[in-house]
Amino acid sequence: MRNTSNIHLSRMYFRGVLYMNLRIVSSSLKALAVAVCIALVLMLIFTFISMTKQDPEKYLEGFVYFCLYIPALFCGYCAAKEHKMKYIPTALLSGAMFALFIFIISLFYGGGTEPTGLRWLLYLLIPFCSLVGGVLASPKQKTLRRRKKTPHKA
Protein backbone atom coordinates (compact mmCIF):
# COMPACT_ATOMS: atom_id res chain seq x y z
CA MET A 1 0.00 0.00 0.00
CA ARG A 2 1.34 3.43 -0.99
CA ASN A 3 1.95 6.13 1.55
CA THR A 4 -0.15 9.04 0.31
CA SER A 5 0.03 11.32 3.30
CA ASN A 6 -0.03 15.04 2.69
CA ILE A 7 3.60 15.44 3.72
CA HIS A 8 4.72 12.74 1.31
CA LEU A 9 2.71 14.24 -1.56
CA SER A 10 4.04 17.72 -0.88
CA ARG A 11 7.62 16.39 -0.91
CA MET A 12 6.98 14.65 -4.24
CA TYR A 13 5.50 17.86 -5.65
CA PHE A 14 8.44 19.92 -4.37
CA ARG A 15 10.95 17.54 -5.96
CA GLY A 16 9.10 17.71 -9.27
CA VAL A 17 8.93 21.50 -9.22
CA LEU A 18 12.58 21.77 -8.19
CA TYR A 19 13.62 19.40 -11.00
CA MET A 20 11.55 21.34 -13.54
CA ASN A 21 13.01 24.68 -12.42
CA LEU A 22 16.55 23.31 -12.56
CA ARG A 23 15.90 22.17 -16.13
CA ILE A 24 14.64 25.65 -17.04
CA VAL A 25 17.73 27.28 -15.52
CA SER A 26 19.99 24.74 -17.21
CA SER A 27 18.37 25.39 -20.60
CA SER A 28 18.67 29.13 -20.06
CA LEU A 29 22.35 28.92 -19.15
CA LYS A 30 23.12 26.84 -22.24
CA ALA A 31 21.23 29.34 -24.39
CA LEU A 32 23.15 32.18 -22.71
CA ALA A 33 26.44 30.54 -23.68
CA VAL A 34 25.22 30.19 -27.28
CA ALA A 35 24.10 33.83 -27.35
CA VAL A 36 27.44 35.09 -26.02
CA CYS A 37 29.29 33.07 -28.68
CA ILE A 38 27.01 34.44 -31.41
CA ALA A 39 27.50 37.98 -30.10
CA LEU A 40 31.29 37.60 -30.11
CA VAL A 41 31.30 36.25 -33.67
CA LEU A 42 28.99 39.05 -34.85
CA MET A 43 31.18 41.66 -33.16
CA LEU A 44 34.25 40.24 -34.87
CA ILE A 45 32.54 40.27 -38.27
CA PHE A 46 31.24 43.80 -37.83
CA THR A 47 34.66 44.97 -36.63
CA PHE A 48 36.18 43.78 -39.89
CA ILE A 49 33.36 45.35 -41.90
CA SER A 50 33.65 48.70 -40.15
CA MET A 51 37.43 48.77 -40.53
CA THR A 52 37.07 48.53 -44.31
CA LYS A 53 34.95 51.70 -44.36
CA GLN A 54 36.44 55.19 -44.50
CA ASP A 55 34.48 56.29 -41.43
CA PRO A 56 34.33 53.29 -39.05
CA GLU A 57 32.16 55.09 -36.49
CA LYS A 58 29.38 55.83 -38.96
CA TYR A 59 27.79 52.37 -38.77
CA LEU A 60 29.01 51.50 -35.30
CA GLU A 61 25.76 52.20 -33.42
CA GLY A 62 23.69 50.05 -35.78
CA PHE A 63 26.22 47.23 -35.55
CA VAL A 64 26.12 47.39 -31.75
CA TYR A 65 22.34 47.08 -31.62
CA PHE A 66 22.44 44.27 -34.16
CA CYS A 67 25.05 42.48 -32.02
CA LEU A 68 22.83 42.96 -28.98
CA TYR A 69 19.40 41.91 -30.21
CA ILE A 70 20.14 39.13 -32.71
CA PRO A 71 21.94 37.03 -30.05
CA ALA A 72 19.03 37.72 -27.68
CA LEU A 73 16.67 36.34 -30.33
CA PHE A 74 18.82 33.22 -30.70
CA CYS A 75 19.10 32.94 -26.92
CA GLY A 76 15.32 32.67 -26.55
CA TYR A 77 15.10 30.36 -29.54
CA CYS A 78 17.73 27.93 -28.23
CA ALA A 79 16.29 27.91 -24.72
CA ALA A 80 12.75 27.28 -25.97
CA LYS A 81 13.88 24.53 -28.34
CA GLU A 82 15.64 22.71 -25.53
CA HIS A 83 12.80 23.04 -23.04
CA LYS A 84 9.61 22.64 -25.08
CA MET A 85 7.17 22.22 -22.21
CA LYS A 86 7.53 25.75 -20.81
CA TYR A 87 9.03 27.68 -23.67
CA ILE A 88 7.84 31.17 -22.66
CA PRO A 89 9.29 31.24 -19.10
CA THR A 90 12.49 29.63 -20.37
CA ALA A 91 12.87 32.21 -23.14
CA LEU A 92 12.16 35.08 -20.73
CA LEU A 93 14.62 33.75 -18.17
CA SER A 94 17.33 33.33 -20.79
CA GLY A 95 16.67 36.87 -22.05
CA ALA A 96 16.85 38.24 -18.51
CA MET A 97 20.12 36.39 -17.95
CA PHE A 98 21.51 37.79 -21.20
CA ALA A 99 20.42 41.33 -20.23
CA LEU A 100 22.04 40.91 -16.80
CA PHE A 101 25.21 39.62 -18.45
CA ILE A 102 25.34 42.61 -20.81
CA PHE A 103 24.63 44.97 -17.89
CA ILE A 104 27.48 43.52 -15.82
CA ILE A 105 29.87 43.72 -18.77
CA SER A 106 28.84 47.34 -19.40
CA LEU A 107 29.68 48.20 -15.78
CA PHE A 108 33.29 47.19 -16.41
CA TYR A 109 33.67 48.82 -19.82
CA GLY A 110 31.60 51.97 -19.37
CA GLY A 111 28.34 53.00 -20.95
CA GLY A 112 27.48 54.26 -24.39
CA THR A 113 26.49 57.70 -25.55
CA GLU A 114 22.76 57.28 -24.97
CA PRO A 115 21.07 58.74 -21.86
CA THR A 116 20.52 56.52 -18.84
CA GLY A 117 16.76 56.19 -19.35
CA LEU A 118 17.22 55.06 -22.93
CA ARG A 119 19.89 52.59 -21.84
CA TRP A 120 17.46 50.98 -19.37
CA LEU A 121 14.85 50.77 -22.14
CA LEU A 122 17.40 49.06 -24.36
CA TYR A 123 18.15 46.56 -21.58
CA LEU A 124 14.42 45.86 -21.21
CA LEU A 125 14.12 45.11 -24.93
CA ILE A 126 16.56 42.20 -24.62
CA PRO A 127 14.10 39.85 -22.81
CA PHE A 128 11.40 40.91 -25.29
CA CYS A 129 13.63 39.85 -28.21
CA SER A 130 14.35 36.63 -26.38
CA LEU A 131 10.62 36.08 -25.92
CA VAL A 132 10.08 36.57 -29.66
CA GLY A 133 12.75 33.93 -30.28
CA GLY A 134 11.02 31.60 -27.84
CA VAL A 135 7.68 32.06 -29.56
CA LEU A 136 9.32 31.33 -32.91
CA ALA A 137 10.64 28.08 -31.45
CA SER A 138 7.34 27.10 -29.86
CA PRO A 139 5.90 23.73 -30.79
CA LYS A 140 3.48 24.20 -33.63
CA GLN A 141 -0.10 23.12 -33.20
CA LYS A 142 -1.20 20.49 -35.64
CA THR A 143 -4.13 21.71 -37.62
CA LEU A 144 -6.78 19.44 -38.96
CA ARG A 145 -6.61 19.11 -42.67
CA ARG A 146 -9.85 19.39 -44.46
CA ARG A 147 -10.55 17.05 -47.26
CA LYS A 148 -11.20 18.66 -50.54
CA LYS A 149 -14.78 18.27 -51.50
CA THR A 150 -15.16 16.62 -54.81
CA PRO A 151 -18.22 17.58 -56.83
CA HIS A 152 -20.72 14.80 -57.27
CA LYS A 153 -21.04 13.64 -60.82
CA ALA A 154 -24.57 13.22 -61.95
C-alpha atoms as a PDB file:
ATOM      1  CA  MET A   1       0.000   0.000   0.000  1.00  0.00           C
ATOM      2  CA  ARG A   2       1.344   3.433  -0.989  1.00  0.00           C
ATOM      3  CA  ASN A   3       1.953   6.132   1.547  1.00  0.00           C
ATOM      4  CA  THR A   4      -0.148   9.042   0.308  1.00  0.00           C
ATOM      5  CA  SER A   5       0.025  11.322   3.299  1.00  0.00           C
ATOM      6  CA  ASN A   6      -0.033  15.037   2.693  1.00  0.00           C
ATOM      7  CA  ILE A   7       3.597  15.444   3.719  1.00  0.00           C
ATOM      8  CA  HIS A   8       4.717  12.739   1.311  1.00  0.00           C
ATOM      9  CA  LEU A   9       2.708  14.243  -1.556  1.00  0.00           C
ATOM     10  CA  SER A  10       4.044  17.718  -0.875  1.00  0.00           C
ATOM     11  CA  ARG A  11       7.624  16.391  -0.912  1.00  0.00           C
ATOM     12  CA  MET A  12       6.976  14.649  -4.235  1.00  0.00           C
ATOM     13  CA  TYR A  13       5.498  17.861  -5.648  1.00  0.00           C
ATOM     14  CA  PHE A  14       8.441  19.924  -4.371  1.00  0.00           C
ATOM     15  CA  ARG A  15      10.947  17.540  -5.961  1.00  0.00           C
ATOM     16  CA  GLY A  16       9.101  17.709  -9.266  1.00  0.00           C
ATOM     17  CA  VAL A  17       8.931  21.504  -9.215  1.00  0.00           C
ATOM     18  CA  LEU A  18      12.579  21.771  -8.195  1.00  0.00           C
ATOM     19  CA  TYR A  19      13.625  19.403 -10.997  1.00  0.00           C
ATOM     20  CA  MET A  20      11.549  21.340 -13.540  1.00  0.00           C
ATOM     21  CA  ASN A  21      13.005  24.681 -12.418  1.00  0.00           C
ATOM     22  CA  LEU A  22      16.549  23.305 -12.557  1.00  0.00           C
ATOM     23  CA  ARG A  23      15.905  22.174 -16.126  1.00  0.00           C
ATOM     24  CA  ILE A  24      14.642  25.652 -17.039  1.00  0.00           C
ATOM     25  CA  VAL A  25      17.729  27.282 -15.521  1.00  0.00           C
ATOM     26  CA  SER A  26      19.992  24.743 -17.208  1.00  0.00           C
ATOM     27  CA  SER A  27      18.368  25.391 -20.596  1.00  0.00           C
ATOM     28  CA  SER A  28      18.667  29.132 -20.058  1.00  0.00           C
ATOM     29  CA  LEU A  29      22.354  28.915 -19.147  1.00  0.00           C
ATOM     30  CA  LYS A  30      23.119  26.839 -22.242  1.00  0.00           C
ATOM     31  CA  ALA A  31      21.233  29.345 -24.385  1.00  0.00           C
ATOM     32  CA  LEU A  32      23.147  32.183 -22.709  1.00  0.00           C
ATOM     33  CA  ALA A  33      26.439  30.543 -23.677  1.00  0.00           C
ATOM     34  CA  VAL A  34      25.225  30.190 -27.284  1.00  0.00           C
ATOM     35  CA  ALA A  35      24.103  33.831 -27.346  1.00  0.00           C
ATOM     36  CA  VAL A  36      27.439  35.086 -26.017  1.00  0.00           C
ATOM     37  CA  CYS A  37      29.287  33.071 -28.676  1.00  0.00           C
ATOM     38  CA  ILE A  38      27.012  34.439 -31.408  1.00  0.00           C
ATOM     39  CA  ALA A  39      27.504  37.978 -30.105  1.00  0.00           C
ATOM     40  CA  LEU A  40      31.288  37.600 -30.114  1.00  0.00           C
ATOM     41  CA  VAL A  41      31.303  36.249 -33.668  1.00  0.00           C
ATOM     42  CA  LEU A  42      28.993  39.045 -34.852  1.00  0.00           C
ATOM     43  CA  MET A  43      31.179  41.660 -33.161  1.00  0.00           C
ATOM     44  CA  LEU A  44      34.251  40.236 -34.869  1.00  0.00           C
ATOM     45  CA  ILE A  45      32.539  40.266 -38.273  1.00  0.00           C
ATOM     46  CA  PHE A  46      31.240  43.803 -37.825  1.00  0.00           C
ATOM     47  CA  THR A  47      34.656  44.966 -36.635  1.00  0.00           C
ATOM     48  CA  PHE A  48      36.184  43.782 -39.892  1.00  0.00           C
ATOM     49  CA  ILE A  49      33.357  45.346 -41.899  1.00  0.00           C
ATOM     50  CA  SER A  50      33.649  48.701 -40.145  1.00  0.00           C
ATOM     51  CA  MET A  51      37.435  48.774 -40.533  1.00  0.00           C
ATOM     52  CA  THR A  52      37.072  48.533 -44.306  1.00  0.00           C
ATOM     53  CA  LYS A  53      34.954  51.703 -44.362  1.00  0.00           C
ATOM     54  CA  GLN A  54      36.436  55.185 -44.497  1.00  0.00           C
ATOM     55  CA  ASP A  55      34.480  56.294 -41.430  1.00  0.00           C
ATOM     56  CA  PRO A  56      34.331  53.293 -39.054  1.00  0.00           C
ATOM     57  CA  GLU A  57      32.161  55.090 -36.489  1.00  0.00           C
ATOM     58  CA  LYS A  58      29.380  55.830 -38.955  1.00  0.00           C
ATOM     59  CA  TYR A  59      27.792  52.374 -38.770  1.00  0.00           C
ATOM     60  CA  LEU A  60      29.005  51.497 -35.296  1.00  0.00           C
ATOM     61  CA  GLU A  61      25.764  52.196 -33.416  1.00  0.00           C
ATOM     62  CA  GLY A  62      23.692  50.050 -35.776  1.00  0.00           C
ATOM     63  CA  PHE A  63      26.219  47.234 -35.546  1.00  0.00           C
ATOM     64  CA  VAL A  64      26.124  47.389 -31.749  1.00  0.00           C
ATOM     65  CA  TYR A  65      22.342  47.081 -31.619  1.00  0.00           C
ATOM     66  CA  PHE A  66      22.439  44.267 -34.159  1.00  0.00           C
ATOM     67  CA  CYS A  67      25.050  42.479 -32.023  1.00  0.00           C
ATOM     68  CA  LEU A  68      22.829  42.957 -28.982  1.00  0.00           C
ATOM     69  CA  TYR A  69      19.395  41.911 -30.208  1.00  0.00           C
ATOM     70  CA  ILE A  70      20.137  39.128 -32.713  1.00  0.00           C
ATOM     71  CA  PRO A  71      21.939  37.027 -30.055  1.00  0.00           C
ATOM     72  CA  ALA A  72      19.033  37.721 -27.681  1.00  0.00           C
ATOM     73  CA  LEU A  73      16.673  36.342 -30.332  1.00  0.00           C
ATOM     74  CA  PHE A  74      18.820  33.222 -30.704  1.00  0.00           C
ATOM     75  CA  CYS A  75      19.097  32.944 -26.918  1.00  0.00           C
ATOM     76  CA  GLY A  76      15.324  32.667 -26.549  1.00  0.00           C
ATOM     77  CA  TYR A  77      15.098  30.359 -29.545  1.00  0.00           C
ATOM     78  CA  CYS A  78      17.731  27.928 -28.234  1.00  0.00           C
ATOM     79  CA  ALA A  79      16.291  27.912 -24.720  1.00  0.00           C
ATOM     80  CA  ALA A  80      12.754  27.278 -25.965  1.00  0.00           C
ATOM     81  CA  LYS A  81      13.883  24.530 -28.342  1.00  0.00           C
ATOM     82  CA  GLU A  82      15.637  22.712 -25.527  1.00  0.00           C
ATOM     83  CA  HIS A  83      12.798  23.044 -23.040  1.00  0.00           C
ATOM     84  CA  LYS A  84       9.613  22.642 -25.079  1.00  0.00           C
ATOM     85  CA  MET A  85       7.169  22.225 -22.211  1.00  0.00           C
ATOM     86  CA  LYS A  86       7.525  25.749 -20.812  1.00  0.00           C
ATOM     87  CA  TYR A  87       9.035  27.682 -23.670  1.00  0.00           C
ATOM     88  CA  ILE A  88       7.837  31.171 -22.657  1.00  0.00           C
ATOM     89  CA  PRO A  89       9.287  31.235 -19.098  1.00  0.00           C
ATOM     90  CA  THR A  90      12.486  29.631 -20.369  1.00  0.00           C
ATOM     91  CA  ALA A  91      12.869  32.209 -23.139  1.00  0.00           C
ATOM     92  CA  LEU A  92      12.159  35.080 -20.734  1.00  0.00           C
ATOM     93  CA  LEU A  93      14.622  33.749 -18.169  1.00  0.00           C
ATOM     94  CA  SER A  94      17.325  33.327 -20.787  1.00  0.00           C
ATOM     95  CA  GLY A  95      16.673  36.871 -22.046  1.00  0.00           C
ATOM     96  CA  ALA A  96      16.847  38.242 -18.506  1.00  0.00           C
ATOM     97  CA  MET A  97      20.123  36.388 -17.949  1.00  0.00           C
ATOM     98  CA  PHE A  98      21.505  37.790 -21.200  1.00  0.00           C
ATOM     99  CA  ALA A  99      20.422  41.329 -20.233  1.00  0.00           C
ATOM    100  CA  LEU A 100      22.036  40.906 -16.801  1.00  0.00           C
ATOM    101  CA  PHE A 101      25.212  39.618 -18.452  1.00  0.00           C
ATOM    102  CA  ILE A 102      25.335  42.608 -20.809  1.00  0.00           C
ATOM    103  CA  PHE A 103      24.631  44.970 -17.886  1.00  0.00           C
ATOM    104  CA  ILE A 104      27.483  43.524 -15.820  1.00  0.00           C
ATOM    105  CA  ILE A 105      29.874  43.717 -18.774  1.00  0.00           C
ATOM    106  CA  SER A 106      28.837  47.337 -19.403  1.00  0.00           C
ATOM    107  CA  LEU A 107      29.676  48.196 -15.783  1.00  0.00           C
ATOM    108  CA  PHE A 108      33.292  47.191 -16.407  1.00  0.00           C
ATOM    109  CA  TYR A 109      33.669  48.818 -19.817  1.00  0.00           C
ATOM    110  CA  GLY A 110      31.604  51.965 -19.374  1.00  0.00           C
ATOM    111  CA  GLY A 111      28.342  52.996 -20.953  1.00  0.00           C
ATOM    112  CA  GLY A 112      27.481  54.255 -24.386  1.00  0.00           C
ATOM    113  CA  THR A 113      26.492  57.703 -25.553  1.00  0.00           C
ATOM    114  CA  GLU A 114      22.763  57.278 -24.968  1.00  0.00           C
ATOM    115  CA  PRO A 115      21.071  58.741 -21.863  1.00  0.00           C
ATOM    116  CA  THR A 116      20.523  56.516 -18.838  1.00  0.00           C
ATOM    117  CA  GLY A 117      16.757  56.195 -19.346  1.00  0.00           C
ATOM    118  CA  LEU A 118      17.218  55.064 -22.927  1.00  0.00           C
ATOM    119  CA  ARG A 119      19.894  52.595 -21.836  1.00  0.00           C
ATOM    120  CA  TRP A 120      17.460  50.983 -19.372  1.00  0.00           C
ATOM    121  CA  LEU A 121      14.855  50.770 -22.137  1.00  0.00           C
ATOM    122  CA  LEU A 122      17.402  49.055 -24.362  1.00  0.00           C
ATOM    123  CA  TYR A 123      18.145  46.559 -21.579  1.00  0.00           C
ATOM    124  CA  LEU A 124      14.425  45.862 -21.208  1.00  0.00           C
ATOM    125  CA  LEU A 125      14.122  45.112 -24.927  1.00  0.00           C
ATOM    126  CA  ILE A 126      16.558  42.201 -24.623  1.00  0.00           C
ATOM    127  CA  PRO A 127      14.098  39.851 -22.806  1.00  0.00           C
ATOM    128  CA  PHE A 128      11.402  40.907 -25.287  1.00  0.00           C
ATOM    129  CA  CYS A 129      13.630  39.849 -28.210  1.00  0.00           C
ATOM    130  CA  SER A 130      14.346  36.628 -26.377  1.00  0.00           C
ATOM    131  CA  LEU A 131      10.616  36.083 -25.918  1.00  0.00           C
ATOM    132  CA  VAL A 132      10.080  36.566 -29.658  1.00  0.00           C
ATOM    133  CA  GLY A 133      12.753  33.927 -30.285  1.00  0.00           C
ATOM    134  CA  GLY A 134      11.017  31.596 -27.836  1.00  0.00           C
ATOM    135  CA  VAL A 135       7.677  32.058 -29.560  1.00  0.00           C
ATOM    136  CA  LEU A 136       9.315  31.329 -32.912  1.00  0.00           C
ATOM    137  CA  ALA A 137      10.644  28.079 -31.446  1.00  0.00           C
ATOM    138  CA  SER A 138       7.337  27.103 -29.864  1.00  0.00           C
ATOM    139  CA  PRO A 139       5.903  23.732 -30.793  1.00  0.00           C
ATOM    140  CA  LYS A 140       3.484  24.195 -33.630  1.00  0.00           C
ATOM    141  CA  GLN A 141      -0.102  23.119 -33.201  1.00  0.00           C
ATOM    142  CA  LYS A 142      -1.201  20.488 -35.641  1.00  0.00           C
ATOM    143  CA  THR A 143      -4.125  21.714 -37.624  1.00  0.00           C
ATOM    144  CA  LEU A 144      -6.781  19.445 -38.956  1.00  0.00           C
ATOM    145  CA  ARG A 145      -6.612  19.105 -42.675  1.00  0.00           C
ATOM    146  CA  ARG A 146      -9.853  19.386 -44.459  1.00  0.00           C
ATOM    147  CA  ARG A 147     -10.549  17.051 -47.263  1.00  0.00           C
ATOM    148  CA  LYS A 148     -11.201  18.663 -50.540  1.00  0.00           C
ATOM    149  CA  LYS A 149     -14.784  18.274 -51.505  1.00  0.00           C
ATOM    150  CA  THR A 150     -15.162  16.617 -54.815  1.00  0.00           C
ATOM    151  CA  PRO A 151     -18.219  17.577 -56.834  1.00  0.00           C
ATOM    152  CA  HIS A 152     -20.722  14.799 -57.274  1.00  0.00           C
ATOM    153  CA  LYS A 153     -21.037  13.641 -60.819  1.00  0.00           C
ATOM    154  CA  ALA A 154     -24.568  13.225 -61.953  1.00  0.00           C
END
